[in-house]
């Protein structure tokens, strides 16, 4: 019993220190930098909808944005800047 009580404090402290790191890691992947226009884009439901429209217009098979070539990513952001606010 005393052993469990002795470990409980450090475990709670470790969990409290690790939780913000894990939570911030997820948020870091939702923002993309468009290096050609030097701006950031948040990858949210609106952006996902726009991305799916772009894929459909080009008859591409769906792939995660991260798996596109740099040229295709550039093509997407050029298209996206020409279609602001629609999605």
PDB file of N, CA and C in Angstrom:
ATOM      1  N   UNK A   1       0.816  -1.198   0.000  1.00  0.00           N
ATOM      2  CA  UNK A   1       0.000   0.000   0.000  1.00  0.00           C
ATOM      3  C   UNK A   1       0.857   1.257   0.000  1.00  0.00           C
ATOM      4  N   UNK A   2       1.909   1.258   0.829  1.00  0.00           N
ATOM      5  CA  UNK A   2       2.772   2.437   0.899  1.00  0.00           C
ATOM      6  C   UNK A   2       3.524   2.649  -0.411  1.00  0.00           C
ATOM      7  N   UNK A   3       3.818   1.573  -1.099  1.00  0.00           N
ATOM      8  CA  UNK A   3       4.514   1.690  -2.368  1.00  0.00           C
ATOM      9  C   UNK A   3       3.656   2.389  -3.420  1.00  0.00           C
ATOM     10  N   UNK A   4       2.393   2.069  -3.467  1.00  0.00           N
ATOM     11  CA  UNK A   4       1.473   2.694  -4.424  1.00  0.00           C
ATOM     12  C   UNK A   4       1.344   4.181  -4.127  1.00  0.00           C
ATOM     13  N   UNK A   5       1.211   4.554  -2.884  1.00  0.00           N
ATOM     14  CA  UNK A   5       1.101   5.967  -2.513  1.00  0.00           C
ATOM     15  C   UNK A   5       2.376   6.716  -2.878  1.00  0.00           C
ATOM     16  N   UNK A   6       3.513   6.060  -2.757  1.00  0.00           N
ATOM     17  CA  UNK A   6       4.785   6.701  -3.091  1.00  0.00           C
ATOM     18  C   UNK A   6       4.948   6.934  -4.583  1.00  0.00           C
ATOM     19  N   UNK A   7       4.341   6.112  -5.392  1.00  0.00           N
ATOM     20  CA  UNK A   7       4.436   6.263  -6.845  1.00  0.00           C
ATOM     21  C   UNK A   7       3.348   7.152  -7.423  1.00  0.00           C
ATOM     22  N   UNK A   8       2.266   7.301  -6.712  1.00  0.00           N
ATOM     23  CA  UNK A   8       1.129   8.058  -7.220  1.00  0.00           C
ATOM     24  C   UNK A   8       1.484   9.518  -7.510  1.00  0.00           C
ATOM     25  N   UNK A   9       2.176  10.170  -6.607  1.00  0.00           N
ATOM     26  CA  UNK A   9       2.544  11.579  -6.800  1.00  0.00           C
ATOM     27  C   UNK A   9       3.390  11.802  -8.045  1.00  0.00           C
ATOM     28  N   UNK A  10       4.492  11.065  -8.221  1.00  0.00           N
ATOM     29  CA  UNK A  10       5.295  11.239  -9.432  1.00  0.00           C
ATOM     30  C   UNK A  10       4.546  10.895 -10.724  1.00  0.00           C
ATOM     31  N   UNK A  11       3.658   9.905 -10.676  1.00  0.00           N
ATOM     32  CA  UNK A  11       2.882   9.566 -11.870  1.00  0.00           C
ATOM     33  C   UNK A  11       1.931  10.691 -12.264  1.00  0.00           C
ATOM     34  N   UNK A  12       1.275  11.274 -11.285  1.00  0.00           N
ATOM     35  CA  UNK A  12       0.366  12.397 -11.561  1.00  0.00           C
ATOM     36  C   UNK A  12       1.161  13.585 -12.104  1.00  0.00           C
ATOM     37  N   UNK A  13       2.314  13.860 -11.525  1.00  0.00           N
ATOM     38  CA  UNK A  13       3.161  14.956 -11.993  1.00  0.00           C
ATOM     39  C   UNK A  13       3.627  14.708 -13.422  1.00  0.00           C
ATOM     40  N   UNK A  14       4.052  13.497 -13.716  1.00  0.00           N
ATOM     41  CA  UNK A  14       4.500  13.162 -15.071  1.00  0.00           C
ATOM     42  C   UNK A  14       3.363  13.315 -16.079  1.00  0.00           C
ATOM     43  N   UNK A  15       2.173  12.859 -15.723  1.00  0.00           N
ATOM     44  CA  UNK A  15       1.021  12.986 -16.616  1.00  0.00           C
ATOM     45  C   UNK A  15       0.681  14.451 -16.864  1.00  0.00           C
ATOM     46  N   UNK A  16       0.776  15.270 -15.825  1.00  0.00           N
ATOM     47  CA  UNK A  16       0.480  16.700 -15.969  1.00  0.00           C
ATOM     48  C   UNK A  16       1.502  17.390 -16.863  1.00  0.00           C
ATOM     49  N   UNK A  17       2.726  16.928 -16.851  1.00  0.00           N
ATOM     50  CA  UNK A  17       3.769  17.542 -17.677  1.00  0.00           C
ATOM     51  C   UNK A  17       3.698  17.062 -19.125  1.00  0.00           C
ATOM     52  N   UNK A  18       3.264  15.840 -19.347  1.00  0.00           N
ATOM     53  CA  UNK A  18       3.219  15.281 -20.694  1.00  0.00           C
ATOM     54  C   UNK A  18       1.961  15.708 -21.455  1.00  0.00           C
ATOM     55  N   UNK A  19       0.854  15.917 -20.779  1.00  0.00           N
ATOM     56  CA  UNK A  19      -0.422  16.221 -21.430  1.00  0.00           C
ATOM     57  C   UNK A  19      -0.346  17.437 -22.365  1.00  0.00           C
ATOM     58  N   UNK A  20       0.228  18.584 -21.975  1.00  0.00           N
ATOM     59  CA  UNK A  20       0.285  19.717 -22.902  1.00  0.00           C
ATOM     60  C   UNK A  20       1.133  19.437 -24.144  1.00  0.00           C
ATOM     61  N   UNK A  21       2.169  18.664 -23.988  1.00  0.00           N
ATOM     62  CA  UNK A  21       3.023  18.325 -25.131  1.00  0.00           C
ATOM     63  C   UNK A  21       2.238  17.490 -26.139  1.00  0.00           C
ATOM     64  N   UNK A  22       1.501  16.509 -25.654  1.00  0.00           N
ATOM     65  CA  UNK A  22       0.707  15.666 -26.541  1.00  0.00           C
ATOM     66  C   UNK A  22      -0.410  16.450 -27.208  1.00  0.00           C
ATOM     67  N   UNK A  23      -1.031  17.323 -26.478  1.00  0.00           N
ATOM     68  CA  UNK A  23      -2.141  18.109 -27.035  1.00  0.00           C
ATOM     69  C   UNK A  23      -1.650  19.104 -28.077  1.00  0.00           C
ATOM     70  N   UNK A  24      -0.515  19.731 -27.855  1.00  0.00           N
ATOM     71  CA  UNK A  24      -0.017  20.710 -28.813  1.00  0.00           C
ATOM     72  C   UNK A  24       0.510  20.039 -30.070  1.00  0.00           C
ATOM     73  N   UNK A  25       0.931  18.803 -29.981  1.00  0.00           N
ATOM     74  CA  UNK A  25       1.408  18.085 -31.156  1.00  0.00           C
ATOM     75  C   UNK A  25       0.323  17.920 -32.197  1.00  0.00           C
ATOM     76  N   UNK A  26      -0.906  17.703 -31.790  1.00  0.00           N
ATOM     77  CA  UNK A  26      -2.010  17.542 -32.730  1.00  0.00           C
ATOM     78  C   UNK A  26      -2.321  18.859 -33.431  1.00  0.00           C
ATOM     79  N   UNK A  27      -2.294  19.940 -32.716  1.00  0.00           N
ATOM     80  CA  UNK A  27      -2.615  21.240 -33.295  1.00  0.00           C
ATOM     81  C   UNK A  27      -1.566  21.693 -34.292  1.00  0.00           C
ATOM     82  N   UNK A  28      -0.341  21.275 -34.120  1.00  0.00           N
ATOM     83  CA  UNK A  28       0.736  21.709 -35.008  1.00  0.00           C
ATOM     84  C   UNK A  28       0.533  21.194 -36.426  1.00  0.00           C
ATOM     85  N   UNK A  29      -0.212  20.111 -36.599  1.00  0.00           N
ATOM     86  CA  UNK A  29      -0.392  19.530 -37.915  1.00  0.00           C
ATOM     87  C   UNK A  29      -1.596  20.094 -38.658  1.00  0.00           C
ATOM     88  N   UNK A  30      -2.277  21.055 -38.093  1.00  0.00           N
ATOM     89  CA  UNK A  30      -3.459  21.594 -38.744  1.00  0.00           C
ATOM     90  C   UNK A  30      -3.190  22.915 -39.445  1.00  0.00           C
ATOM     91  N   UNK A  31      -1.940  23.335 -39.467  1.00  0.00           N
ATOM     92  CA  UNK A  31      -1.596  24.603 -40.088  1.00  0.00           C
ATOM     93  C   UNK A  31      -0.514  24.372 -41.132  1.00  0.00           C
ATOM     94  N   UNK A  32      -0.724  24.900 -42.335  1.00  0.00           N
ATOM     95  CA  UNK A  32       0.230  24.716 -43.421  1.00  0.00           C
ATOM     96  C   UNK A  32       0.732  26.059 -43.911  1.00  0.00           C
ATOM     97  N   UNK A  33       1.990  26.090 -44.254  1.00  0.00           N
ATOM     98  CA  UNK A  33       2.616  27.304 -44.764  1.00  0.00           C
ATOM     99  C   UNK A  33       2.695  27.228 -46.279  1.00  0.00           C
ATOM    100  N   UNK A  34       2.161  28.229 -46.938  1.00  0.00           N
ATOM    101  CA  UNK A  34       2.237  28.340 -48.392  1.00  0.00           C
ATOM    102  C   UNK A  34       3.462  29.180 -48.705  1.00  0.00           C
ATOM    103  N   UNK A  35       4.555  28.525 -49.033  1.00  0.00           N
ATOM    104  CA  UNK A  35       5.828  29.244 -49.210  1.00  0.00           C
ATOM    105  C   UNK A  35       5.844  30.142 -50.436  1.00  0.00           C
ATOM    106  N   UNK A  36       4.972  29.893 -51.399  1.00  0.00           N
ATOM    107  CA  UNK A  36       4.945  30.715 -52.610  1.00  0.00           C
ATOM    108  C   UNK A  36       4.205  32.029 -52.396  1.00  0.00           C
ATOM    109  N   UNK A  37       3.269  32.023 -51.468  1.00  0.00           N
ATOM    110  CA  UNK A  37       2.529  33.252 -51.138  1.00  0.00           C
ATOM    111  C   UNK A  37       2.891  33.778 -49.757  1.00  0.00           C
ATOM    112  N   UNK A  38       3.739  33.038 -49.058  1.00  0.00           N
ATOM    113  CA  UNK A  38       4.226  33.429 -47.729  1.00  0.00           C
ATOM    114  C   UNK A  38       3.078  33.675 -46.750  1.00  0.00           C
ATOM    115  N   UNK A  39       2.130  32.730 -46.708  1.00  0.00           N
ATOM    116  CA  UNK A  39       1.057  32.827 -45.732  1.00  0.00           C
ATOM    117  C   UNK A  39       0.716  31.448 -45.195  1.00  0.00           C
ATOM    118  N   UNK A  40      -0.048  31.440 -44.115  1.00  0.00           N
ATOM    119  CA  UNK A  40      -0.435  30.199 -43.449  1.00  0.00           C
ATOM    120  C   UNK A  40      -1.896  29.896 -43.726  1.00  0.00           C
ATOM    121  N   UNK A  41      -2.216  28.606 -43.751  1.00  0.00           N
ATOM    122  CA  UNK A  41      -3.584  28.148 -43.925  1.00  0.00           C
ATOM    123  C   UNK A  41      -3.904  27.126 -42.850  1.00  0.00           C
ATOM    124  N   UNK A  42      -5.046  27.272 -42.211  1.00  0.00           N
ATOM    125  CA  UNK A  42      -5.495  26.318 -41.213  1.00  0.00           C
ATOM    126  C   UNK A  42      -6.266  25.212 -41.922  1.00  0.00           C
ATOM    127  N   UNK A  43      -5.876  23.983 -41.663  1.00  0.00           N
ATOM    128  CA  UNK A  43      -6.530  22.842 -42.301  1.00  0.00           C
ATOM    129  C   UNK A  43      -7.742  22.457 -41.460  1.00  0.00           C
ATOM    130  N   UNK A  44      -8.897  22.999 -41.806  1.00  0.00           N
ATOM    131  CA  UNK A  44     -10.129  22.748 -41.065  1.00  0.00           C
ATOM    132  C   UNK A  44     -11.164  22.161 -42.024  1.00  0.00           C
ATOM    133  N   UNK A  45     -12.399  22.055 -41.607  1.00  0.00           N
ATOM    134  CA  UNK A  45     -13.434  21.457 -42.458  1.00  0.00           C
ATOM    135  C   UNK A  45     -13.633  22.227 -43.757  1.00  0.00           C
ATOM    136  N   UNK A  46     -13.530  23.538 -43.705  1.00  0.00           N
ATOM    137  CA  UNK A  46     -13.661  24.346 -44.922  1.00  0.00           C
ATOM    138  C   UNK A  46     -12.548  24.054 -45.907  1.00  0.00           C
ATOM    139  N   UNK A  47     -11.337  23.937 -45.401  1.00  0.00           N
ATOM    140  CA  UNK A  47     -10.193  23.653 -46.277  1.00  0.00           C
ATOM    141  C   UNK A  47     -10.278  22.241 -46.842  1.00  0.00           C
ATOM    142  N   UNK A  48     -10.770  21.309 -46.042  1.00  0.00           N
ATOM    143  CA  UNK A  48     -10.942  19.941 -46.528  1.00  0.00           C
ATOM    144  C   UNK A  48     -11.962  19.924 -47.666  1.00  0.00           C
ATOM    145  N   UNK A  49     -13.038  20.697 -47.515  1.00  0.00           N
ATOM    146  CA  UNK A  49     -14.037  20.781 -48.579  1.00  0.00           C
ATOM    147  C   UNK A  49     -13.457  21.369 -49.853  1.00  0.00           C
ATOM    148  N   UNK A  50     -12.674  22.426 -49.712  1.00  0.00           N
ATOM    149  CA  UNK A  50     -12.035  23.043 -50.879  1.00  0.00           C
ATOM    150  C   UNK A  50     -11.066  22.068 -51.534  1.00  0.00           C
ATOM    151  N   UNK A  51     -10.311  21.347 -50.731  1.00  0.00           N
ATOM    152  CA  UNK A  51      -9.359  20.373 -51.253  1.00  0.00           C
ATOM    153  C   UNK A  51     -10.075  19.276 -52.041  1.00  0.00           C
ATOM    154  N   UNK A  52     -11.215  18.828 -51.530  1.00  0.00           N
ATOM    155  CA  UNK A  52     -11.971  17.789 -52.237  1.00  0.00           C
ATOM    156  C   UNK A  52     -12.533  18.315 -53.563  1.00  0.00           C
ATOM    157  N   UNK A  53     -12.940  19.582 -53.604  1.00  0.00           N
ATOM    158  CA  UNK A  53     -13.403  20.175 -54.857  1.00  0.00           C
ATOM    159  C   UNK A  53     -12.252  20.222 -55.853  1.00  0.00           C
ATOM    160  N   UNK A  54     -11.091  20.652 -55.399  1.00  0.00           N
ATOM    161  CA  UNK A  54      -9.904  20.726 -56.258  1.00  0.00           C
ATOM    162  C   UNK A  54      -9.557  19.347 -56.828  1.00  0.00           C
ATOM    163  N   UNK A  55      -9.603  18.318 -55.974  1.00  0.00           N
ATOM    164  CA  UNK A  55      -9.329  16.950 -56.426  1.00  0.00           C
ATOM    165  C   UNK A  55     -10.361  16.529 -57.474  1.00  0.00           C
ATOM    166  N   UNK A  56     -11.625  16.833 -57.216  1.00  0.00           N
ATOM    167  CA  UNK A  56     -12.688  16.454 -58.142  1.00  0.00           C
ATOM    168  C   UNK A  56     -12.567  17.133 -59.490  1.00  0.00           C
ATOM    169  N   UNK A  57     -12.194  18.409 -59.496  1.00  0.00           N
ATOM    170  CA  UNK A  57     -12.032  19.136 -60.754  1.00  0.00           C
ATOM    171  C   UNK A  57     -10.916  18.546 -61.609  1.00  0.00           C
ATOM    172  N   UNK A  58      -9.923  17.988 -60.978  1.00  0.00           N
ATOM    173  CA  UNK A  58      -8.778  17.427 -61.686  1.00  0.00           C
ATOM    174  C   UNK A  58      -8.866  15.916 -61.889  1.00  0.00           C
ATOM    175  N   UNK A  59      -9.919  15.330 -61.357  1.00  0.00           N
ATOM    176  CA  UNK A  59     -10.136  13.883 -61.464  1.00  0.00           C
ATOM    177  C   UNK A  59      -8.983  13.093 -60.858  1.00  0.00           C
ATOM    178  N   UNK A  60      -8.414  13.644 -59.781  1.00  0.00           N
ATOM    179  CA  UNK A  60      -7.360  12.929 -59.056  1.00  0.00           C
ATOM    180  C   UNK A  60      -8.002  11.948 -58.083  1.00  0.00           C
ATOM    181  N   UNK A  61      -7.287  10.883 -57.786  1.00  0.00           N
ATOM    182  CA  UNK A  61      -7.699   9.979 -56.720  1.00  0.00           C
ATOM    183  C   UNK A  61      -7.359  10.656 -55.392  1.00  0.00           C
ATOM    184  N   UNK A  62      -8.229  10.513 -54.390  1.00  0.00           N
ATOM    185  CA  UNK A  62      -7.997  11.195 -53.116  1.00  0.00           C
ATOM    186  C   UNK A  62      -6.719  10.685 -52.455  1.00  0.00           C
ATOM    187  N   UNK A  63      -5.901  11.642 -52.042  1.00  0.00           N
ATOM    188  CA  UNK A  63      -4.715  11.370 -51.223  1.00  0.00           C
ATOM    189  C   UNK A  63      -4.631  12.466 -50.185  1.00  0.00           C
ATOM    190  N   UNK A  64      -4.092  12.136 -49.030  1.00  0.00           N
ATOM    191  CA  UNK A  64      -3.881  13.163 -48.015  1.00  0.00           C
ATOM    192  C   UNK A  64      -2.993  14.258 -48.589  1.00  0.00           C
ATOM    193  N   UNK A  65      -3.264  15.474 -48.190  1.00  0.00           N
ATOM    194  CA  UNK A  65      -2.479  16.605 -48.681  1.00  0.00           C
ATOM    195  C   UNK A  65      -0.987  16.378 -48.460  1.00  0.00           C
ATOM    196  N   UNK A  66      -0.621  15.818 -47.325  1.00  0.00           N
ATOM    197  CA  UNK A  66       0.789  15.594 -47.002  1.00  0.00           C
ATOM    198  C   UNK A  66       1.479  14.665 -47.992  1.00  0.00           C
ATOM    199  N   UNK A  67       0.724  13.857 -48.688  1.00  0.00           N
ATOM    200  CA  UNK A  67       1.309  12.892 -49.626  1.00  0.00           C
ATOM    201  C   UNK A  67       1.400  13.430 -51.051  1.00  0.00           C
ATOM    202  N   UNK A  68       0.943  14.643 -51.282  1.00  0.00           N
ATOM    203  CA  UNK A  68       1.079  15.249 -52.599  1.00  0.00           C
ATOM    204  C   UNK A  68       2.523  15.661 -52.829  1.00  0.00           C
ATOM    205  N   UNK A  69       2.912  15.717 -54.080  1.00  0.00           N
ATOM    206  CA  UNK A  69       4.241  16.236 -54.402  1.00  0.00           C
ATOM    207  C   UNK A  69       4.248  17.738 -54.116  1.00  0.00           C
ATOM    208  N   UNK A  70       5.426  18.307 -54.016  1.00  0.00           N
ATOM    209  CA  UNK A  70       5.522  19.755 -53.756  1.00  0.00           C
ATOM    210  C   UNK A  70       4.875  20.542 -54.895  1.00  0.00           C
ATOM    211  N   UNK A  71       4.992  20.040 -56.105  1.00  0.00           N
ATOM    212  CA  UNK A  71       4.376  20.708 -57.248  1.00  0.00           C
ATOM    213  C   UNK A  71       2.854  20.676 -57.147  1.00  0.00           C
ATOM    214  N   UNK A  72       2.293  19.552 -56.735  1.00  0.00           N
ATOM    215  CA  UNK A  72       0.835  19.467 -56.570  1.00  0.00           C
ATOM    216  C   UNK A  72       0.366  20.333 -55.409  1.00  0.00           C
ATOM    217  N   UNK A  73       1.133  20.402 -54.336  1.00  0.00           N
ATOM    218  CA  UNK A  73       0.779  21.288 -53.228  1.00  0.00           C
ATOM    219  C   UNK A  73       0.768  22.730 -53.700  1.00  0.00           C
ATOM    220  N   UNK A  74       1.775  23.094 -54.482  1.00  0.00           N
ATOM    221  CA  UNK A  74       1.826  24.455 -55.025  1.00  0.00           C
ATOM    222  C   UNK A  74       0.625  24.711 -55.930  1.00  0.00           C
ATOM    223  N   UNK A  75       0.278  23.743 -56.771  1.00  0.00           N
ATOM    224  CA  UNK A  75      -0.878  23.869 -57.649  1.00  0.00           C
ATOM    225  C   UNK A  75      -2.162  24.064 -56.833  1.00  0.00           C
ATOM    226  N   UNK A  76      -2.291  23.305 -55.736  1.00  0.00           N
ATOM    227  CA  UNK A  76      -3.485  23.447 -54.900  1.00  0.00           C
ATOM    228  C   UNK A  76      -3.576  24.846 -54.314  1.00  0.00           C
ATOM    229  N   UNK A  77      -2.468  25.345 -53.735  1.00  0.00           N
ATOM    230  CA  UNK A  77      -2.533  26.666 -53.109  1.00  0.00           C
ATOM    231  C   UNK A  77      -2.759  27.764 -54.137  1.00  0.00           C
ATOM    232  N   UNK A  78      -2.235  27.627 -55.339  1.00  0.00           N
ATOM    233  CA  UNK A  78      -2.537  28.611 -56.393  1.00  0.00           C
ATOM    234  C   UNK A  78      -4.027  28.592 -56.703  1.00  0.00           C
ATOM    235  N   UNK A  79      -4.590  27.403 -56.834  1.00  0.00           N
ATOM    236  CA  UNK A  79      -6.029  27.285 -57.085  1.00  0.00           C
ATOM    237  C   UNK A  79      -6.811  27.882 -55.926  1.00  0.00           C
ATOM    238  N   UNK A  80      -6.370  27.568 -54.716  1.00  0.00           N
ATOM    239  CA  UNK A  80      -7.084  28.028 -53.517  1.00  0.00           C
ATOM    240  C   UNK A  80      -7.103  29.545 -53.410  1.00  0.00           C
ATOM    241  N   UNK A  81      -5.998  30.184 -53.760  1.00  0.00           N
ATOM    242  CA  UNK A  81      -5.973  31.649 -53.710  1.00  0.00           C
ATOM    243  C   UNK A  81      -6.878  32.274 -54.766  1.00  0.00           C
ATOM    244  N   UNK A  82      -7.149  31.545 -55.817  1.00  0.00           N
ATOM    245  CA  UNK A  82      -8.078  32.050 -56.846  1.00  0.00           C
ATOM    246  C   UNK A  82      -9.532  31.741 -56.515  1.00  0.00           C
ATOM    247  N   UNK A  83      -9.781  31.004 -55.429  1.00  0.00           N
ATOM    248  CA  UNK A  83     -11.137  30.663 -54.996  1.00  0.00           C
ATOM    249  C   UNK A  83     -11.311  30.968 -53.505  1.00  0.00           C
ATOM    250  N   UNK A  84     -11.089  32.199 -53.101  1.00  0.00           N
ATOM    251  CA  UNK A  84     -11.195  32.515 -51.665  1.00  0.00           C
ATOM    252  C   UNK A  84     -12.647  32.596 -51.202  1.00  0.00           C
ATOM    253  N   UNK A  85     -12.868  32.203 -49.981  1.00  0.00           N
ATOM    254  CA  UNK A  85     -14.154  32.406 -49.349  1.00  0.00           C
ATOM    255  C   UNK A  85     -15.299  31.543 -49.837  1.00  0.00           C
ATOM    256  N   UNK A  86     -15.077  30.659 -50.780  1.00  0.00           N
ATOM    257  CA  UNK A  86     -16.159  29.829 -51.287  1.00  0.00           C
ATOM    258  C   UNK A  86     -16.414  28.634 -50.379  1.00  0.00           C
ATOM    259  N   UNK A  87     -15.436  28.256 -49.585  1.00  0.00           N
ATOM    260  CA  UNK A  87     -15.546  27.006 -48.832  1.00  0.00           C
ATOM    261  C   UNK A  87     -15.368  27.241 -47.356  1.00  0.00           C
TER     262      UNK A  87
END
